[in-house]
C-alpha cells in the first residue's frame, strides 16, 4: 500500500514539473513567472523520496520533456531545473542550516549551468560565452534610432557611451554573471519551495532567515582585495591578461555581495526604525529604488562593505 502511494505521489510530482516547464516554454510573459515554480515539485520529491527514487523521477521527467521539445529542450529542463530541484530537496533533508543547503545548492546550480552550456555548444555549435560587443552596439544603435525623436541628443550620447563601455566589459565578466545567476536561481527556488511546503504542510524545509539578518563571511573582503591587486598587475596597456579577467570577475562578485549585504543592512534599519512593524512593500520599494539609482547603489555597496568589516548591525544598531 505504501509502495503504491509512493509511486502515485512520485508520478504526480514528476508530471507537475513537466507541465510547469512546458507552460513556461509556450506561454508568453506569464511563462517567465511560471518558470520560477518549475523546480518546486522536484524539491518536494527530493525531500519525500529516497535519493535514488528522486533522481529516477527527474530522469523520467527529462525523457517526457524530450519527447515534446526535443533533446535540447530536455537538456534545458534537466540541467536548468530538475537536477537543482531534486538536489535542494535532498540537501534540505540532510542539513539543518539554510546556509549549508544554499552553499551546496549554489555549487550544483553552477555546475549544471556549465554542463548545459557545454551541451548547447556541442549540439548547436554556438558558444554561449561568445558575445560580440559590435553586435550588441549595432542592436543598441537600432533602438536609439527609434528613440531619437523623443529624447535629447546629449542624453542619447551618454546612454550610447555607457552601453558601449558595458558591452566591452560584459565579454569578460560572463563568469561572474553566471555565478550570480546560479546563486539567485538557487535562492529563489528554495524560497518558493519552502513557502509552498509550509503553506500546504507537505514537507518541512528550514525557513530562510529574515532578509535583515543576512550576512556574508569576512572572506569576501579578501576576495575584493585580491581583485584589486590582480587588476593592477594583470593588464598591460590594451592587452588584457588572464589575471586581469580573474580580478575583474572577483571584483564584480564582491560588489554584488556588498550590495546584498548593504540592502540587508538597510532592511534591518528600516525594521528597527518602524519598531519591527515595517510593511513589506515599503522595504521592497526602497530596495528597488536603491538598485535603480546609481548613487544610492554605490552608497549601499559601501555600507555593505563596512557591515562585513565591523558588523555595524551588532555593534551600533542593536
C-alpha atoms as a PDB file:
ATOM      1  CA  UNK A   1       0.000   0.000   0.000  1.00  0.00           C
ATOM      2  CA  UNK A   2       2.801   2.352   0.931  1.00  0.00           C
ATOM      3  CA  UNK A   3       4.674   1.454  -2.263  1.00  0.00           C
ATOM      4  CA  UNK A   4       1.616   2.296  -4.380  1.00  0.00           C
ATOM      5  CA  UNK A   5       1.124   5.608  -2.622  1.00  0.00           C
ATOM      6  CA  UNK A   6       4.787   6.478  -3.100  1.00  0.00           C
ATOM      7  CA  UNK A   7       4.578   5.668  -6.795  1.00  0.00           C
ATOM      8  CA  UNK A   8       1.445   7.791  -7.228  1.00  0.00           C
ATOM      9  CA  UNK A   9       2.992  10.770  -5.390  1.00  0.00           C
ATOM     10  CA  UNK A  10       6.198  10.485  -7.414  1.00  0.00           C
ATOM     11  CA  UNK A  11       4.265  10.291 -10.684  1.00  0.00           C
ATOM     12  CA  UNK A  12       2.175  13.362  -9.797  1.00  0.00           C
ATOM     13  CA  UNK A  13       5.222  15.417  -8.832  1.00  0.00           C
ATOM     14  CA  UNK A  14       7.081  14.395 -11.999  1.00  0.00           C
ATOM     15  CA  UNK A  15       4.047  15.190 -14.165  1.00  0.00           C
ATOM     16  CA  UNK A  16       3.558  18.556 -12.454  1.00  0.00           C
ATOM     17  CA  UNK A  17       7.186  19.535 -13.022  1.00  0.00           C
ATOM     18  CA  UNK A  18       6.902  18.667 -16.736  1.00  0.00           C
ATOM     19  CA  UNK A  19       3.615  20.591 -17.110  1.00  0.00           C
ATOM     20  CA  UNK A  20       5.080  23.673 -15.421  1.00  0.00           C
ATOM     21  CA  UNK A  21       8.164  23.585 -17.641  1.00  0.00           C
ATOM     22  CA  UNK A  22       6.088  23.221 -20.810  1.00  0.00           C
ATOM     23  CA  UNK A  23       3.820  26.057 -19.684  1.00  0.00           C
ATOM     24  CA  UNK A  24       6.844  28.280 -19.052  1.00  0.00           C
ATOM     25  CA  UNK A  25       8.104  27.390 -22.532  1.00  0.00           C
ATOM     26  CA  UNK A  26       4.906  28.011 -24.500  1.00  0.00           C
ATOM     27  CA  UNK A  27       3.133  30.806 -22.598  1.00  0.00           C
ATOM     28  CA  UNK A  28       4.461  34.329 -23.311  1.00  0.00           C
ATOM     29  CA  UNK A  29       5.199  36.726 -20.425  1.00  0.00           C
ATOM     30  CA  UNK A  30       3.467  34.641 -17.751  1.00  0.00           C
ATOM     31  CA  UNK A  31       5.815  31.796 -18.655  1.00  0.00           C
ATOM     32  CA  UNK A  32       8.660  33.732 -17.013  1.00  0.00           C
ATOM     33  CA  UNK A  33       6.760  33.707 -13.707  1.00  0.00           C
ATOM     34  CA  UNK A  34       5.832  30.039 -14.082  1.00  0.00           C
ATOM     35  CA  UNK A  35       9.493  29.123 -14.665  1.00  0.00           C
ATOM     36  CA  UNK A  36      10.279  30.081 -11.049  1.00  0.00           C
ATOM     37  CA  UNK A  37       7.925  27.310  -9.887  1.00  0.00           C
ATOM     38  CA  UNK A  38       9.358  24.574 -12.145  1.00  0.00           C
ATOM     39  CA  UNK A  39      11.846  23.185  -9.572  1.00  0.00           C
ATOM     40  CA  UNK A  40       9.286  23.146  -6.707  1.00  0.00           C
ATOM     41  CA  UNK A  41       7.720  19.691  -7.364  1.00  0.00           C
ATOM     42  CA  UNK A  42      11.201  18.203  -7.687  1.00  0.00           C
ATOM     43  CA  UNK A  43      12.377  19.852  -4.452  1.00  0.00           C
ATOM     44  CA  UNK A  44       9.435  18.193  -2.711  1.00  0.00           C
ATOM     45  CA  UNK A  45      10.284  14.924  -4.468  1.00  0.00           C
ATOM     46  CA  UNK A  46      13.842  15.115  -3.155  1.00  0.00           C
ATOM     47  CA  UNK A  47      12.545  15.726   0.359  1.00  0.00           C
ATOM     48  CA  UNK A  48       9.972  12.929   0.418  1.00  0.00           C
ATOM     49  CA  UNK A  49      11.621  10.109  -1.507  1.00  0.00           C
ATOM     50  CA  UNK A  50      14.947   8.238  -1.261  1.00  0.00           C
ATOM     51  CA  UNK A  51      17.758   9.756  -3.294  1.00  0.00           C
ATOM     52  CA  UNK A  52      17.716   7.077  -5.982  1.00  0.00           C
ATOM     53  CA  UNK A  53      13.946   7.352  -6.496  1.00  0.00           C
ATOM     54  CA  UNK A  54      14.097  11.155  -6.607  1.00  0.00           C
ATOM     55  CA  UNK A  55      16.763  11.253  -9.309  1.00  0.00           C
ATOM     56  CA  UNK A  56      14.981   8.499 -11.216  1.00  0.00           C
ATOM     57  CA  UNK A  57      11.876  10.688 -11.197  1.00  0.00           C
ATOM     58  CA  UNK A  58      13.925  13.613 -12.534  1.00  0.00           C
ATOM     59  CA  UNK A  59      15.231  11.398 -15.341  1.00  0.00           C
ATOM     60  CA  UNK A  60      11.695  10.295 -16.241  1.00  0.00           C
ATOM     61  CA  UNK A  61      10.644  13.959 -16.367  1.00  0.00           C
ATOM     62  CA  UNK A  62      13.615  14.632 -18.651  1.00  0.00           C
ATOM     63  CA  UNK A  63      12.519  11.834 -21.022  1.00  0.00           C
ATOM     64  CA  UNK A  64       8.941  13.181 -21.137  1.00  0.00           C
ATOM     65  CA  UNK A  65      10.152  16.704 -21.819  1.00  0.00           C
ATOM     66  CA  UNK A  66      12.476  15.445 -24.561  1.00  0.00           C
ATOM     67  CA  UNK A  67       9.549  13.752 -26.328  1.00  0.00           C
ATOM     68  CA  UNK A  68       7.779  17.127 -26.572  1.00  0.00           C
ATOM     69  CA  UNK A  69      10.609  19.660 -27.001  1.00  0.00           C
ATOM     70  CA  UNK A  70      13.434  17.570 -28.401  1.00  0.00           C
ATOM     71  CA  UNK A  71      16.830  16.774 -26.919  1.00  0.00           C
ATOM     72  CA  UNK A  72      17.930  20.383 -26.418  1.00  0.00           C
ATOM     73  CA  UNK A  73      14.695  21.251 -24.618  1.00  0.00           C
ATOM     74  CA  UNK A  74      15.112  18.167 -22.451  1.00  0.00           C
ATOM     75  CA  UNK A  75      18.627  19.223 -21.500  1.00  0.00           C
ATOM     76  CA  UNK A  76      17.377  22.701 -20.598  1.00  0.00           C
ATOM     77  CA  UNK A  77      14.848  21.070 -18.276  1.00  0.00           C
ATOM     78  CA  UNK A  78      17.294  18.581 -16.764  1.00  0.00           C
ATOM     79  CA  UNK A  79      20.225  20.910 -16.139  1.00  0.00           C
ATOM     80  CA  UNK A  80      18.249  24.122 -15.752  1.00  0.00           C
ATOM     81  CA  UNK A  81      15.660  22.927 -13.220  1.00  0.00           C
ATOM     82  CA  UNK A  82      15.429  19.207 -12.486  1.00  0.00           C
ATOM     83  CA  UNK A  83      18.823  18.337 -11.014  1.00  0.00           C
ATOM     84  CA  UNK A  84      18.986  21.506  -8.930  1.00  0.00           C
ATOM     85  CA  UNK A  85      15.426  20.980  -7.639  1.00  0.00           C
ATOM     86  CA  UNK A  86      15.977  17.371  -6.570  1.00  0.00           C
ATOM     87  CA  UNK A  87      19.352  18.286  -5.058  1.00  0.00           C
ATOM     88  CA  UNK A  88      17.829  21.085  -2.968  1.00  0.00           C
ATOM     89  CA  UNK A  89      15.296  18.595  -1.630  1.00  0.00           C
ATOM     90  CA  UNK A  90      17.978  16.034  -0.773  1.00  0.00           C
ATOM     91  CA  UNK A  91      20.127  18.733   0.869  1.00  0.00           C
ATOM     92  CA  UNK A  92      17.105  20.036   2.796  1.00  0.00           C
ATOM     93  CA  UNK A  93      16.653  16.587   4.310  1.00  0.00           C
ATOM     94  CA  UNK A  94      20.322  16.204   5.252  1.00  0.00           C
ATOM     95  CA  UNK A  95      21.217  19.683   6.582  1.00  0.00           C
ATOM     96  CA  UNK A  96      19.545  21.863   9.184  1.00  0.00           C
ATOM     97  CA  UNK A  97      21.229  25.171   8.312  1.00  0.00           C
ATOM     98  CA  UNK A  98      19.903  27.123   5.349  1.00  0.00           C
ATOM     99  CA  UNK A  99      23.417  28.429   4.663  1.00  0.00           C
ATOM    100  CA  UNK A 100      24.689  24.865   4.146  1.00  0.00           C
ATOM    101  CA  UNK A 101      21.790  23.966   1.854  1.00  0.00           C
ATOM    102  CA  UNK A 102      22.214  27.087  -0.278  1.00  0.00           C
ATOM    103  CA  UNK A 103      26.013  26.775  -0.429  1.00  0.00           C
ATOM    104  CA  UNK A 104      25.882  23.261  -1.850  1.00  0.00           C
ATOM    105  CA  UNK A 105      22.823  24.141  -3.920  1.00  0.00           C
ATOM    106  CA  UNK A 106      24.707  27.044  -5.490  1.00  0.00           C
ATOM    107  CA  UNK A 107      27.603  24.768  -6.478  1.00  0.00           C
ATOM    108  CA  UNK A 108      25.181  22.266  -8.012  1.00  0.00           C
ATOM    109  CA  UNK A 109      23.304  25.026  -9.865  1.00  0.00           C
ATOM    110  CA  UNK A 110      26.561  26.448 -11.227  1.00  0.00           C
ATOM    111  CA  UNK A 111      27.809  23.010 -12.304  1.00  0.00           C
ATOM    112  CA  UNK A 112      24.524  22.266 -14.082  1.00  0.00           C
ATOM    113  CA  UNK A 113      24.667  25.551 -15.989  1.00  0.00           C
ATOM    114  CA  UNK A 114      28.250  24.899 -17.085  1.00  0.00           C
ATOM    115  CA  UNK A 115      27.297  21.437 -18.330  1.00  0.00           C
ATOM    116  CA  UNK A 116      24.257  22.899 -20.095  1.00  0.00           C
ATOM    117  CA  UNK A 117      26.413  25.468 -21.881  1.00  0.00           C
ATOM    118  CA  UNK A 118      28.819  22.746 -22.988  1.00  0.00           C
ATOM    119  CA  UNK A 119      25.910  20.704 -24.359  1.00  0.00           C
ATOM    120  CA  UNK A 120      24.495  23.739 -26.179  1.00  0.00           C
ATOM    121  CA  UNK A 121      27.902  24.267 -27.785  1.00  0.00           C
ATOM    122  CA  UNK A 122      28.084  20.585 -28.724  1.00  0.00           C
ATOM    123  CA  UNK A 123      24.575  20.376 -30.204  1.00  0.00           C
ATOM    124  CA  UNK A 124      24.286  23.771 -31.899  1.00  0.00           C
ATOM    125  CA  UNK A 125      27.878  24.844 -32.482  1.00  0.00           C
ATOM    126  CA  UNK A 126      27.117  28.148 -30.742  1.00  0.00           C
ATOM    127  CA  UNK A 127      29.320  29.243 -27.875  1.00  0.00           C
ATOM    128  CA  UNK A 128      27.122  30.812 -25.140  1.00  0.00           C
ATOM    129  CA  UNK A 129      30.171  32.707 -23.853  1.00  0.00           C
ATOM    130  CA  UNK A 130      30.915  34.247 -27.264  1.00  0.00           C
ATOM    131  CA  UNK A 131      29.354  37.696 -27.067  1.00  0.00           C
ATOM    132  CA  UNK A 132      30.304  40.151 -29.804  1.00  0.00           C
ATOM    133  CA  UNK A 133      30.389  43.750 -28.472  1.00  0.00           C
ATOM    134  CA  UNK A 134      29.959  45.116 -32.018  1.00  0.00           C
ATOM    135  CA  UNK A 135      26.746  43.127 -32.461  1.00  0.00           C
ATOM    136  CA  UNK A 136      25.439  44.456 -29.149  1.00  0.00           C
ATOM    137  CA  UNK A 137      26.266  48.020 -30.182  1.00  0.00           C
ATOM    138  CA  UNK A 138      24.533  47.544 -33.527  1.00  0.00           C
ATOM    139  CA  UNK A 139      21.352  46.408 -31.759  1.00  0.00           C
ATOM    140  CA  UNK A 140      21.620  49.304 -29.311  1.00  0.00           C
ATOM    141  CA  UNK A 141      22.032  51.826 -32.138  1.00  0.00           C
ATOM    142  CA  UNK A 142      18.864  50.477 -33.757  1.00  0.00           C
ATOM    143  CA  UNK A 143      16.966  51.055 -30.518  1.00  0.00           C
ATOM    144  CA  UNK A 144      18.438  54.522 -30.163  1.00  0.00           C
ATOM    145  CA  UNK A 145      17.306  55.300 -33.698  1.00  0.00           C
ATOM    146  CA  UNK A 146      13.732  54.636 -32.647  1.00  0.00           C
ATOM    147  CA  UNK A 147      14.054  56.795 -29.508  1.00  0.00           C
ATOM    148  CA  UNK A 148      15.959  59.654 -31.139  1.00  0.00           C
ATOM    149  CA  UNK A 149      12.853  61.758 -31.649  1.00  0.00           C
ATOM    150  CA  UNK A 150      11.689  61.629 -28.031  1.00  0.00           C
ATOM    151  CA  UNK A 151      14.991  62.266 -26.221  1.00  0.00           C
ATOM    152  CA  UNK A 152      17.725  64.875 -26.452  1.00  0.00           C
ATOM    153  CA  UNK A 153      20.990  64.195 -28.266  1.00  0.00           C
ATOM    154  CA  UNK A 154      23.036  64.679 -25.088  1.00  0.00           C
ATOM    155  CA  UNK A 155      21.023  62.018 -23.258  1.00  0.00           C
ATOM    156  CA  UNK A 156      21.304  59.546 -26.145  1.00  0.00           C
ATOM    157  CA  UNK A 157      25.049  60.102 -26.465  1.00  0.00           C
ATOM    158  CA  UNK A 158      25.530  59.490 -22.745  1.00  0.00           C
ATOM    159  CA  UNK A 159      23.494  56.296 -22.984  1.00  0.00           C
ATOM    160  CA  UNK A 160      25.494  55.172 -26.002  1.00  0.00           C
ATOM    161  CA  UNK A 161      28.830  55.713 -24.234  1.00  0.00           C
ATOM    162  CA  UNK A 162      27.652  53.871 -21.117  1.00  0.00           C
ATOM    163  CA  UNK A 163      26.308  50.938 -23.124  1.00  0.00           C
ATOM    164  CA  UNK A 164      29.498  50.712 -25.192  1.00  0.00           C
ATOM    165  CA  UNK A 165      31.589  50.538 -22.029  1.00  0.00           C
ATOM    166  CA  UNK A 166      29.269  47.950 -20.533  1.00  0.00           C
ATOM    167  CA  UNK A 167      29.281  45.798 -23.678  1.00  0.00           C
ATOM    168  CA  UNK A 168      33.104  45.745 -23.750  1.00  0.00           C
ATOM    169  CA  UNK A 169      33.266  44.725 -20.097  1.00  0.00           C
ATOM    170  CA  UNK A 170      30.426  42.178 -20.320  1.00  0.00           C
ATOM    171  CA  UNK A 171      32.536  39.928 -22.536  1.00  0.00           C
ATOM    172  CA  UNK A 172      34.987  39.490 -19.665  1.00  0.00           C
ATOM    173  CA  UNK A 173      32.574  39.232 -16.711  1.00  0.00           C
ATOM    174  CA  UNK A 174      30.377  36.413 -18.016  1.00  0.00           C
ATOM    175  CA  UNK A 175      31.725  34.021 -15.314  1.00  0.00           C
ATOM    176  CA  UNK A 176      30.628  36.489 -12.608  1.00  0.00           C
ATOM    177  CA  UNK A 177      27.216  36.883 -14.257  1.00  0.00           C
ATOM    178  CA  UNK A 178      26.850  33.100 -14.443  1.00  0.00           C
ATOM    179  CA  UNK A 179      27.734  32.733 -10.755  1.00  0.00           C
ATOM    180  CA  UNK A 180      25.267  35.461  -9.779  1.00  0.00           C
ATOM    181  CA  UNK A 181      22.529  33.828 -11.865  1.00  0.00           C
ATOM    182  CA  UNK A 182      23.246  30.441 -10.261  1.00  0.00           C
ATOM    183  CA  UNK A 183      23.031  31.935  -6.766  1.00  0.00           C
ATOM    184  CA  UNK A 184      19.769  33.792  -7.480  1.00  0.00           C
ATOM    185  CA  UNK A 185      18.296  30.739  -9.183  1.00  0.00           C
ATOM    186  CA  UNK A 186      19.099  28.598  -6.154  1.00  0.00           C
ATOM    187  CA  UNK A 187      17.787  31.127  -3.610  1.00  0.00           C
ATOM    188  CA  UNK A 188      14.541  31.847  -5.494  1.00  0.00           C
ATOM    189  CA  UNK A 189      13.827  28.129  -5.988  1.00  0.00           C
ATOM    190  CA  UNK A 190      14.461  27.453  -2.301  1.00  0.00           C
ATOM    191  CA  UNK A 191      12.346  30.357  -1.036  1.00  0.00           C
ATOM    192  CA  UNK A 192       9.355  29.438  -3.209  1.00  0.00           C
ATOM    193  CA  UNK A 193       9.636  25.738  -2.322  1.00  0.00           C
ATOM    194  CA  UNK A 194       9.890  26.480   1.402  1.00  0.00           C
ATOM    195  CA  UNK A 195       6.834  28.747   1.379  1.00  0.00           C
ATOM    196  CA  UNK A 196       4.714  26.283  -0.614  1.00  0.00           C
ATOM    197  CA  UNK A 197       5.795  23.341   1.529  1.00  0.00           C
ATOM    198  CA  UNK A 198       4.992  25.263   4.715  1.00  0.00           C
ATOM    199  CA  UNK A 199       1.713  26.656   3.384  1.00  0.00           C
ATOM    200  CA  UNK A 200       0.320  23.242   2.403  1.00  0.00           C
ATOM    201  CA  UNK A 201       2.151  21.314   5.160  1.00  0.00           C
ATOM    202  CA  UNK A 202       3.627  18.899   2.629  1.00  0.00           C
ATOM    203  CA  UNK A 203       7.157  18.560   3.967  1.00  0.00           C
ATOM    204  CA  UNK A 204       9.498  20.558   6.194  1.00  0.00           C
ATOM    205  CA  UNK A 205      12.239  22.822   4.896  1.00  0.00           C
ATOM    206  CA  UNK A 206      14.291  25.069   7.199  1.00  0.00           C
ATOM    207  CA  UNK A 207      12.940  28.606   6.911  1.00  0.00           C
ATOM    208  CA  UNK A 208      15.010  31.397   5.408  1.00  0.00           C
ATOM    209  CA  UNK A 209      16.220  33.950   7.966  1.00  0.00           C
ATOM    210  CA  UNK A 210      14.713  37.448   7.675  1.00  0.00           C
ATOM    211  CA  UNK A 211      16.431  39.486   4.961  1.00  0.00           C
ATOM    212  CA  UNK A 212      17.628  41.957   7.590  1.00  0.00           C
ATOM    213  CA  UNK A 213      19.677  39.150   9.183  1.00  0.00           C
ATOM    214  CA  UNK A 214      21.520  38.088   6.026  1.00  0.00           C
ATOM    215  CA  UNK A 215      25.315  38.171   6.392  1.00  0.00           C
ATOM    216  CA  UNK A 216      28.255  37.125   4.236  1.00  0.00           C
ATOM    217  CA  UNK A 217      31.601  35.906   5.646  1.00  0.00           C
ATOM    218  CA  UNK A 218      34.561  38.228   6.059  1.00  0.00           C
ATOM    219  CA  UNK A 219      36.441  36.175   3.472  1.00  0.00           C
ATOM    220  CA  UNK A 220      34.557  38.260   0.914  1.00  0.00           C
ATOM    221  CA  UNK A 221      36.847  41.149   1.839  1.00  0.00           C
ATOM    222  CA  UNK A 222      39.930  39.092   0.949  1.00  0.00           C
ATOM    223  CA  UNK A 223      38.416  38.291  -2.447  1.00  0.00           C
ATOM    224  CA  UNK A 224      37.863  42.009  -3.028  1.00  0.00           C
ATOM    225  CA  UNK A 225      41.426  42.973  -2.089  1.00  0.00           C
ATOM    226  CA  UNK A 226      42.832  40.166  -4.258  1.00  0.00           C
ATOM    227  CA  UNK A 227      40.717  41.516  -7.116  1.00  0.00           C
ATOM    228  CA  UNK A 228      42.237  44.977  -6.654  1.00  0.00           C
ATOM    229  CA  UNK A 229      45.778  43.573  -6.713  1.00  0.00           C
ATOM    230  CA  UNK A 230      45.113  41.496  -9.838  1.00  0.00           C
ATOM    231  CA  UNK A 231      43.608  44.499 -11.623  1.00  0.00           C
ATOM    232  CA  UNK A 232      46.935  46.336 -11.229  1.00  0.00           C
ATOM    233  CA  UNK A 233      49.200  43.515 -12.366  1.00  0.00           C
ATOM    234  CA  UNK A 234      47.022  41.711 -14.895  1.00  0.00           C
ATOM    235  CA  UNK A 235      46.796  44.402 -17.586  1.00  0.00           C
ATOM    236  CA  UNK A 236      49.413  45.983 -19.813  1.00  0.00           C
ATOM    237  CA  UNK A 237      48.105  48.818 -21.978  1.00  0.00           C
ATOM    238  CA  UNK A 238      45.306  47.495 -24.156  1.00  0.00           C
ATOM    239  CA  UNK A 239      46.317  43.889 -23.560  1.00  0.00           C
ATOM    240  CA  UNK A 240      44.031  42.150 -21.092  1.00  0.00           C
ATOM    241  CA  UNK A 241      45.577  39.121 -19.439  1.00  0.00           C
ATOM    242  CA  UNK A 242      44.084  36.197 -17.566  1.00  0.00           C
ATOM    243  CA  UNK A 243      44.945  37.703 -14.173  1.00  0.00           C
ATOM    244  CA  UNK A 244      43.088  40.890 -15.038  1.00  0.00           C
ATOM    245  CA  UNK A 245      39.979  38.938 -16.120  1.00  0.00           C
ATOM    246  CA  UNK A 246      40.090  36.882 -12.901  1.00  0.00           C
ATOM    247  CA  UNK A 247      40.439  40.064 -10.850  1.00  0.00           C
ATOM    248  CA  UNK A 248      37.611  41.750 -12.751  1.00  0.00           C
ATOM    249  CA  UNK A 249      35.249  38.848 -12.079  1.00  0.00           C
ATOM    250  CA  UNK A 250      36.248  38.708  -8.418  1.00  0.00           C
ATOM    251  CA  UNK A 251      35.586  42.433  -8.118  1.00  0.00           C
ATOM    252  CA  UNK A 252      32.157  42.161  -9.736  1.00  0.00           C
ATOM    253  CA  UNK A 253      31.188  39.264  -7.466  1.00  0.00           C
ATOM    254  CA  UNK A 254      32.465  41.147  -4.405  1.00  0.00           C
ATOM    255  CA  UNK A 255      30.465  44.246  -5.336  1.00  0.00           C
ATOM    256  CA  UNK A 256      27.323  42.148  -5.753  1.00  0.00           C
ATOM    257  CA  UNK A 257      27.867  40.646  -2.300  1.00  0.00           C
ATOM    258  CA  UNK A 258      28.474  44.091  -0.781  1.00  0.00           C
ATOM    259  CA  UNK A 259      25.259  45.314  -2.426  1.00  0.00           C
ATOM    260  CA  UNK A 260      23.209  42.442  -0.971  1.00  0.00           C
ATOM    261  CA  UNK A 261      24.792  42.936   2.460  1.00  0.00           C
ATOM    262  CA  UNK A 262      24.121  46.672   2.254  1.00  0.00           C
ATOM    263  CA  UNK A 263      20.490  46.100   1.248  1.00  0.00           C
ATOM    264  CA  UNK A 264      20.103  43.692   4.181  1.00  0.00           C
ATOM    265  CA  UNK A 265      21.509  46.373   6.480  1.00  0.00           C
ATOM    266  CA  UNK A 266      19.067  48.967   5.114  1.00  0.00           C
ATOM    267  CA  UNK A 267      16.194  46.496   5.559  1.00  0.00           C
ATOM    268  CA  UNK A 268      17.315  45.878   9.159  1.00  0.00           C
ATOM    269  CA  UNK A 269      17.435  49.622   9.888  1.00  0.00           C
ATOM    270  CA  UNK A 270      14.006  50.184   8.388  1.00  0.00           C
ATOM    271  CA  UNK A 271      12.544  47.412  10.531  1.00  0.00           C
ATOM    272  CA  UNK A 272      14.168  48.878  13.650  1.00  0.00           C
ATOM    273  CA  UNK A 273      13.024  52.425  12.909  1.00  0.00           C
ATOM    274  CA  UNK A 274       9.472  51.166  12.443  1.00  0.00           C
ATOM    275  CA  UNK A 275       9.783  49.025  15.608  1.00  0.00           C
ATOM    276  CA  UNK A 276       9.721  45.754  13.651  1.00  0.00           C
ATOM    277  CA  UNK A 277       6.332  46.596  12.096  1.00  0.00           C
ATOM    278  CA  UNK A 278       7.621  47.671   8.698  1.00  0.00           C
ATOM    279  CA  UNK A 279       5.291  46.923   5.823  1.00  0.00           C
ATOM    280  CA  UNK A 280       6.998  44.555   3.397  1.00  0.00           C
ATOM    281  CA  UNK A 281       6.040  46.631   0.367  1.00  0.00           C
ATOM    282  CA  UNK A 282       7.840  49.659   1.847  1.00  0.00           C
ATOM    283  CA  UNK A 283      11.067  47.709   2.127  1.00  0.00           C
ATOM    284  CA  UNK A 284      10.690  46.308  -1.393  1.00  0.00           C
ATOM    285  CA  UNK A 285      10.088  49.809  -2.764  1.00  0.00           C
ATOM    286  CA  UNK A 286      13.216  51.124  -1.036  1.00  0.00           C
ATOM    287  CA  UNK A 287      15.319  48.203  -2.309  1.00  0.00           C
ATOM    288  CA  UNK A 288      14.109  48.697  -5.899  1.00  0.00           C
ATOM    289  CA  UNK A 289      14.827  52.429  -5.717  1.00  0.00           C
ATOM    290  CA  UNK A 290      18.352  51.787  -4.416  1.00  0.00           C
ATOM    291  CA  UNK A 291      19.091  49.286  -7.180  1.00  0.00           C
ATOM    292  CA  UNK A 292      17.971  51.620  -9.970  1.00  0.00           C
ATOM    293  CA  UNK A 293      19.577  54.844  -8.651  1.00  0.00           C
ATOM    294  CA  UNK A 294      23.370  54.558  -9.196  1.00  0.00           C
ATOM    295  CA  UNK A 295      24.425  56.979  -6.458  1.00  0.00           C
ATOM    296  CA  UNK A 296      22.273  55.144  -3.899  1.00  0.00           C
ATOM    297  CA  UNK A 297      23.624  51.803  -5.091  1.00  0.00           C
ATOM    298  CA  UNK A 298      27.210  52.948  -4.539  1.00  0.00           C
ATOM    299  CA  UNK A 299      26.347  54.230  -1.068  1.00  0.00           C
ATOM    300  CA  UNK A 300      24.717  50.919  -0.137  1.00  0.00           C
ATOM    301  CA  UNK A 301      27.686  48.959  -1.542  1.00  0.00           C
ATOM    302  CA  UNK A 302      29.963  50.951   0.786  1.00  0.00           C
ATOM    303  CA  UNK A 303      27.542  50.302   3.647  1.00  0.00           C
ATOM    304  CA  UNK A 304      27.661  46.582   2.902  1.00  0.00           C
ATOM    305  CA  UNK A 305      31.481  46.665   2.867  1.00  0.00           C
ATOM    306  CA  UNK A 306      31.538  48.349   6.283  1.00  0.00           C
ATOM    307  CA  UNK A 307      28.963  45.949   7.707  1.00  0.00           C
ATOM    308  CA  UNK A 308      31.052  42.947   6.681  1.00  0.00           C
ATOM    309  CA  UNK A 309      34.184  44.636   8.043  1.00  0.00           C
ATOM    310  CA  UNK A 310      32.947  45.711  11.505  1.00  0.00           C
ATOM    311  CA  UNK A 311      29.406  44.234  11.802  1.00  0.00           C
ATOM    312  CA  UNK A 312      27.553  47.530  12.127  1.00  0.00           C
ATOM    313  CA  UNK A 313      24.232  45.904  12.945  1.00  0.00           C
ATOM    314  CA  UNK A 314      25.575  44.104  16.028  1.00  0.00           C
ATOM    315  CA  UNK A 315      27.805  46.887  17.362  1.00  0.00           C
ATOM    316  CA  UNK A 316      25.775  50.042  16.797  1.00  0.00           C
ATOM    317  CA  UNK A 317      22.173  49.262  15.908  1.00  0.00           C
ATOM    318  CA  UNK A 318      21.021  46.556  18.312  1.00  0.00           C
END
